[in-house]
PDB file of N, CA and C in Angstrom:
ATOM      1  N   MET A   1     -47.296  -8.998 -13.498  1.00  0.00           N
ATOM      2  CA  MET A   1     -45.902  -9.394 -13.602  1.00  0.00           C
ATOM      3  C   MET A   1     -45.823 -10.742 -14.320  1.00  0.00           C
ATOM      4  N   ALA A   2     -44.903 -10.862 -15.238  1.00  0.00           N
ATOM      5  CA  ALA A   2     -44.761 -12.091 -16.018  1.00  0.00           C
ATOM      6  C   ALA A   2     -44.135 -13.198 -15.176  1.00  0.00           C
ATOM      7  N   ARG A   3     -44.633 -14.387 -15.395  1.00  0.00           N
ATOM      8  CA  ARG A   3     -44.120 -15.550 -14.683  1.00  0.00           C
ATOM      9  C   ARG A   3     -42.847 -16.052 -15.371  1.00  0.00           C
ATOM     10  N   ALA A   4     -41.875 -16.433 -14.590  1.00  0.00           N
ATOM     11  CA  ALA A   4     -40.622 -16.943 -15.160  1.00  0.00           C
ATOM     12  C   ALA A   4     -40.889 -18.267 -15.860  1.00  0.00           C
ATOM     13  N   GLY A   5     -40.356 -18.422 -17.068  1.00  0.00           N
ATOM     14  CA  GLY A   5     -40.536 -19.657 -17.828  1.00  0.00           C
ATOM     15  C   GLY A   5     -39.645 -20.777 -17.319  1.00  0.00           C
ATOM     16  N   ARG A   6     -40.031 -21.963 -17.633  1.00  0.00           N
ATOM     17  CA  ARG A   6     -39.216 -23.119 -17.246  1.00  0.00           C
ATOM     18  C   ARG A   6     -38.029 -23.238 -18.165  1.00  0.00           C
ATOM     19  N   LYS A   7     -36.947 -23.687 -17.616  1.00  0.00           N
ATOM     20  CA  LYS A   7     -35.786 -23.994 -18.446  1.00  0.00           C
ATOM     21  C   LYS A   7     -35.984 -25.389 -19.009  1.00  0.00           C
ATOM     22  N   THR A   8     -35.805 -25.525 -20.293  1.00  0.00           N
ATOM     23  CA  THR A   8     -35.960 -26.848 -20.899  1.00  0.00           C
ATOM     24  C   THR A   8     -34.641 -27.590 -20.798  1.00  0.00           C
ATOM     25  N   PRO A   9     -34.680 -28.863 -20.419  1.00  0.00           N
ATOM     26  CA  PRO A   9     -33.452 -29.659 -20.325  1.00  0.00           C
ATOM     27  C   PRO A   9     -32.787 -29.785 -21.694  1.00  0.00           C
ATOM     28  N   VAL A  10     -31.486 -29.919 -21.674  1.00  0.00           N
ATOM     29  CA  VAL A  10     -30.722 -30.058 -22.905  1.00  0.00           C
ATOM     30  C   VAL A  10     -30.960 -31.434 -23.490  1.00  0.00           C
ATOM     31  N   LYS A  11     -31.135 -31.479 -24.807  1.00  0.00           N
ATOM     32  CA  LYS A  11     -31.306 -32.773 -25.478  1.00  0.00           C
ATOM     33  C   LYS A  11     -29.979 -33.513 -25.490  1.00  0.00           C
ATOM     34  N   LYS A  12     -30.043 -34.815 -25.383  1.00  0.00           N
ATOM     35  CA  LYS A  12     -28.843 -35.645 -25.463  1.00  0.00           C
ATOM     36  C   LYS A  12     -29.010 -36.575 -26.656  1.00  0.00           C
ATOM     37  N   ASN A  13     -28.233 -36.358 -27.674  1.00  0.00           N
ATOM     38  CA  ASN A  13     -28.296 -37.133 -28.911  1.00  0.00           C
ATOM     39  C   ASN A  13     -29.685 -37.102 -29.540  1.00  0.00           C
ATOM     40  N   GLY A  14     -30.334 -35.967 -29.482  1.00  0.00           N
ATOM     41  CA  GLY A  14     -31.604 -35.796 -30.163  1.00  0.00           C
ATOM     42  C   GLY A  14     -32.825 -36.283 -29.408  1.00  0.00           C
ATOM     43  N   ALA A  15     -32.665 -36.883 -28.256  1.00  0.00           N
ATOM     44  CA  ALA A  15     -33.814 -37.390 -27.508  1.00  0.00           C
ATOM     45  C   ALA A  15     -34.331 -36.312 -26.563  1.00  0.00           C
ATOM     46  N   THR A  16     -35.623 -36.130 -26.540  1.00  0.00           N
ATOM     47  CA  THR A  16     -36.201 -35.186 -25.596  1.00  0.00           C
ATOM     48  C   THR A  16     -36.427 -35.899 -24.272  1.00  0.00           C
ATOM     49  N   PRO A  17     -36.469 -35.171 -23.179  1.00  0.00           N
ATOM     50  CA  PRO A  17     -36.610 -35.821 -21.865  1.00  0.00           C
ATOM     51  C   PRO A  17     -37.918 -36.585 -21.700  1.00  0.00           C
ATOM     52  N   ASN A  18     -38.932 -36.256 -22.470  1.00  0.00           N
ATOM     53  CA  ASN A  18     -40.223 -36.922 -22.328  1.00  0.00           C
ATOM     54  C   ASN A  18     -40.351 -38.183 -23.166  1.00  0.00           C
ATOM     55  N   GLU A  19     -39.387 -38.441 -24.039  1.00  0.00           N
ATOM     56  CA  GLU A  19     -39.459 -39.637 -24.873  1.00  0.00           C
ATOM     57  C   GLU A  19     -39.119 -40.864 -24.039  1.00  0.00           C
ATOM     58  N   ARG A  20     -39.830 -41.957 -24.325  1.00  0.00           N
ATOM     59  CA  ARG A  20     -39.548 -43.207 -23.637  1.00  0.00           C
ATOM     60  C   ARG A  20     -38.312 -43.841 -24.252  1.00  0.00           C
ATOM     61  N   VAL A  21     -37.465 -44.407 -23.421  1.00  0.00           N
ATOM     62  CA  VAL A  21     -36.244 -45.059 -23.878  1.00  0.00           C
ATOM     63  C   VAL A  21     -36.353 -46.533 -23.514  1.00  0.00           C
ATOM     64  N   SER A  22     -36.030 -47.396 -24.469  1.00  0.00           N
ATOM     65  CA  SER A  22     -36.113 -48.834 -24.227  1.00  0.00           C
ATOM     66  C   SER A  22     -35.005 -49.281 -23.275  1.00  0.00           C
ATOM     67  N   GLU A  23     -35.143 -50.480 -22.780  1.00  0.00           N
ATOM     68  CA  GLU A  23     -34.125 -51.050 -21.902  1.00  0.00           C
ATOM     69  C   GLU A  23     -32.783 -51.126 -22.636  1.00  0.00           C
ATOM     70  N   LEU A  24     -32.818 -51.548 -23.903  1.00  0.00           N
ATOM     71  CA  LEU A  24     -31.591 -51.609 -24.692  1.00  0.00           C
ATOM     72  C   LEU A  24     -30.965 -50.226 -24.827  1.00  0.00           C
ATOM     73  N   GLY A  25     -31.776 -49.218 -25.056  1.00  0.00           N
ATOM     74  CA  GLY A  25     -31.273 -47.849 -25.167  1.00  0.00           C
ATOM     75  C   GLY A  25     -30.587 -47.398 -23.889  1.00  0.00           C
ATOM     76  N   ARG A  26     -31.157 -47.760 -22.739  1.00  0.00           N
ATOM     77  CA  ARG A  26     -30.542 -47.397 -21.461  1.00  0.00           C
ATOM     78  C   ARG A  26     -29.216 -48.114 -21.270  1.00  0.00           C
ATOM     79  N   VAL A  27     -29.153 -49.384 -21.651  1.00  0.00           N
ATOM     80  CA  VAL A  27     -27.906 -50.150 -21.525  1.00  0.00           C
ATOM     81  C   VAL A  27     -26.831 -49.557 -22.434  1.00  0.00           C
ATOM     82  N   LEU A  28     -27.197 -49.246 -23.670  1.00  0.00           N
ATOM     83  CA  LEU A  28     -26.230 -48.672 -24.608  1.00  0.00           C
ATOM     84  C   LEU A  28     -25.738 -47.307 -24.141  1.00  0.00           C
ATOM     85  N   ARG A  29     -26.640 -46.502 -23.578  1.00  0.00           N
ATOM     86  CA  ARG A  29     -26.252 -45.185 -23.055  1.00  0.00           C
ATOM     87  C   ARG A  29     -25.261 -45.343 -21.918  1.00  0.00           C
ATOM     88  N   LYS A  30     -25.502 -46.336 -21.041  1.00  0.00           N
ATOM     89  CA  LYS A  30     -24.610 -46.578 -19.906  1.00  0.00           C
ATOM     90  C   LYS A  30     -23.220 -46.993 -20.395  1.00  0.00           C
ATOM     91  N   ILE A  31     -23.170 -47.859 -21.404  1.00  0.00           N
ATOM     92  CA  ILE A  31     -21.893 -48.292 -21.972  1.00  0.00           C
ATOM     93  C   ILE A  31     -21.168 -47.103 -22.596  1.00  0.00           C
ATOM     94  N   SER A  32     -21.901 -46.291 -23.339  1.00  0.00           N
ATOM     95  CA  SER A  32     -21.315 -45.118 -23.983  1.00  0.00           C
ATOM     96  C   SER A  32     -20.758 -44.138 -22.955  1.00  0.00           C
ATOM     97  N   ASP A  33     -21.519 -43.872 -21.914  1.00  0.00           N
ATOM     98  CA  ASP A  33     -21.069 -42.952 -20.868  1.00  0.00           C
ATOM     99  C   ASP A  33     -19.816 -43.468 -20.182  1.00  0.00           C
ATOM    100  N   ALA A  34     -19.759 -44.774 -19.904  1.00  0.00           N
ATOM    101  CA  ALA A  34     -18.583 -45.367 -19.259  1.00  0.00           C
ATOM    102  C   ALA A  34     -17.360 -45.262 -20.176  1.00  0.00           C
ATOM    103  N   TYR A  35     -17.557 -45.489 -21.468  1.00  0.00           N
ATOM    104  CA  TYR A  35     -16.452 -45.393 -22.432  1.00  0.00           C
ATOM    105  C   TYR A  35     -15.907 -43.969 -22.479  1.00  0.00           C
ATOM    106  N   LEU A  36     -16.791 -42.999 -22.541  1.00  0.00           N
ATOM    107  CA  LEU A  36     -16.362 -41.599 -22.588  1.00  0.00           C
ATOM    108  C   LEU A  36     -15.690 -41.184 -21.285  1.00  0.00           C
ATOM    109  N   ALA A  37     -16.190 -41.667 -20.149  1.00  0.00           N
ATOM    110  CA  ALA A  37     -15.605 -41.334 -18.856  1.00  0.00           C
ATOM    111  C   ALA A  37     -14.197 -41.904 -18.705  1.00  0.00           C
ATOM    112  N   SER A  38     -13.920 -43.008 -19.407  1.00  0.00           N
ATOM    113  CA  SER A  38     -12.592 -43.620 -19.307  1.00  0.00           C
ATOM    114  C   SER A  38     -11.597 -43.009 -20.289  1.00  0.00           C
ATOM    115  N   GLY A  39     -12.021 -41.952 -20.990  1.00  0.00           N
ATOM    116  CA  GLY A  39     -11.095 -41.264 -21.888  1.00  0.00           C
ATOM    117  C   GLY A  39     -11.293 -41.580 -23.357  1.00  0.00           C
ATOM    118  N   GLY A  40     -12.266 -42.399 -23.692  1.00  0.00           N
ATOM    119  CA  GLY A  40     -12.533 -42.707 -25.092  1.00  0.00           C
ATOM    120  C   GLY A  40     -13.118 -41.500 -25.804  1.00  0.00           C
ATOM    121  N   LYS A  41     -13.032 -41.498 -27.126  1.00  0.00           N
ATOM    122  CA  LYS A  41     -13.599 -40.369 -27.871  1.00  0.00           C
ATOM    123  C   LYS A  41     -14.679 -40.857 -28.823  1.00  0.00           C
ATOM    124  N   GLN A  42     -15.663 -40.008 -29.041  1.00  0.00           N
ATOM    125  CA  GLN A  42     -16.725 -40.355 -29.976  1.00  0.00           C
ATOM    126  C   GLN A  42     -16.243 -40.106 -31.396  1.00  0.00           C
ATOM    127  N   LEU A  43     -16.706 -40.939 -32.309  1.00  0.00           N
ATOM    128  CA  LEU A  43     -16.383 -40.747 -33.711  1.00  0.00           C
ATOM    129  C   LEU A  43     -17.339 -39.734 -34.320  1.00  0.00           C
ATOM    130  N   ASN A  44     -16.823 -38.930 -35.261  1.00  0.00           N
ATOM    131  CA  ASN A  44     -17.733 -38.061 -35.998  1.00  0.00           C
ATOM    132  C   ASN A  44     -18.365 -38.889 -37.109  1.00  0.00           C
ATOM    133  N   ARG A  45     -19.277 -38.294 -37.844  1.00  0.00           N
ATOM    134  CA  ARG A  45     -20.023 -39.049 -38.852  1.00  0.00           C
ATOM    135  C   ARG A  45     -19.085 -39.689 -39.888  1.00  0.00           C
ATOM    136  N   ARG A  46     -18.097 -38.945 -40.363  1.00  0.00           N
ATOM    137  CA  ARG A  46     -17.178 -39.466 -41.379  1.00  0.00           C
ATOM    138  C   ARG A  46     -16.359 -40.643 -40.832  1.00  0.00           C
ATOM    139  N   GLU A  47     -15.851 -40.506 -39.604  1.00  0.00           N
ATOM    140  CA  GLU A  47     -15.077 -41.588 -38.998  1.00  0.00           C
ATOM    141  C   GLU A  47     -15.944 -42.829 -38.786  1.00  0.00           C
ATOM    142  N   LEU A  48     -17.169 -42.615 -38.364  1.00  0.00           N
ATOM    143  CA  LEU A  48     -18.087 -43.731 -38.147  1.00  0.00           C
ATOM    144  C   LEU A  48     -18.379 -44.466 -39.456  1.00  0.00           C
ATOM    145  N   GLU A  49     -18.660 -43.721 -40.511  1.00  0.00           N
ATOM    146  CA  GLU A  49     -18.928 -44.343 -41.814  1.00  0.00           C
ATOM    147  C   GLU A  49     -17.709 -45.120 -42.311  1.00  0.00           C
ATOM    148  N   ARG A  50     -16.515 -44.582 -42.079  1.00  0.00           N
ATOM    149  CA  ARG A  50     -15.286 -45.271 -42.485  1.00  0.00           C
ATOM    150  C   ARG A  50     -15.114 -46.583 -41.721  1.00  0.00           C
ATOM    151  N   LYS A  51     -15.364 -46.548 -40.404  1.00  0.00           N
ATOM    152  CA  LYS A  51     -15.260 -47.772 -39.599  1.00  0.00           C
ATOM    153  C   LYS A  51     -16.258 -48.829 -40.055  1.00  0.00           C
ATOM    154  N   ILE A  52     -17.489 -48.418 -40.311  1.00  0.00           N
ATOM    155  CA  ILE A  52     -18.511 -49.359 -40.767  1.00  0.00           C
ATOM    156  C   ILE A  52     -18.089 -49.981 -42.089  1.00  0.00           C
ATOM    157  N   ALA A  53     -17.564 -49.169 -43.009  1.00  0.00           N
ATOM    158  CA  ALA A  53     -17.105 -49.684 -44.299  1.00  0.00           C
ATOM    159  C   ALA A  53     -15.966 -50.681 -44.103  1.00  0.00           C
ATOM    160  N   GLU A  54     -15.050 -50.396 -43.171  1.00  0.00           N
ATOM    161  CA  GLU A  54     -13.945 -51.324 -42.895  1.00  0.00           C
ATOM    162  C   GLU A  54     -14.478 -52.657 -42.381  1.00  0.00           C
ATOM    163  N   TYR A  55     -15.406 -52.610 -41.439  1.00  0.00           N
ATOM    164  CA  TYR A  55     -15.955 -53.838 -40.874  1.00  0.00           C
ATOM    165  C   TYR A  55     -16.723 -54.652 -41.906  1.00  0.00           C
ATOM    166  N   ARG A  56     -17.336 -53.986 -42.849  1.00  0.00           N
ATOM    167  CA  ARG A  56     -18.092 -54.683 -43.895  1.00  0.00           C
ATOM    168  C   ARG A  56     -17.197 -55.148 -45.045  1.00  0.00           C
ATOM    169  N   GLY A  57     -15.928 -54.777 -45.004  1.00  0.00           N
ATOM    170  CA  GLY A  57     -14.994 -55.195 -46.034  1.00  0.00           C
ATOM    171  C   GLY A  57     -15.076 -54.355 -47.295  1.00  0.00           C
ATOM    172  N   LEU A  58     -15.608 -53.137 -47.180  1.00  0.00           N
ATOM    173  CA  LEU A  58     -15.742 -52.281 -48.341  1.00  0.00           C
ATOM    174  C   LEU A  58     -14.540 -51.370 -48.527  1.00  0.00           C
ATOM    175  N   ARG A  59     -13.647 -51.344 -47.571  1.00  0.00           N
ATOM    176  CA  ARG A  59     -12.444 -50.506 -47.668  1.00  0.00           C
ATOM    177  C   ARG A  59     -11.219 -51.354 -47.502  1.00  0.00           C
TER     178      ARG A  59
END
C-alpha cells in the first residue's frame, strides 16, 4: 500500500518554509501583515513601479 505524501506548505512571496529569514525580513513581514489586516491593499507591480518613480521624481 502506498504511503500518503506530505502536503507541502504554501509559499508566501516566493519563500520556501525551509529558507532562513533575517530579523529585518521578519519585522517587515509583521508590518506588512498588520497593514493588510487593517484593510490596506498591496500594490501590483505596475502600481509599485509608478510609486517608486514618483518618489524618485521621475514622474
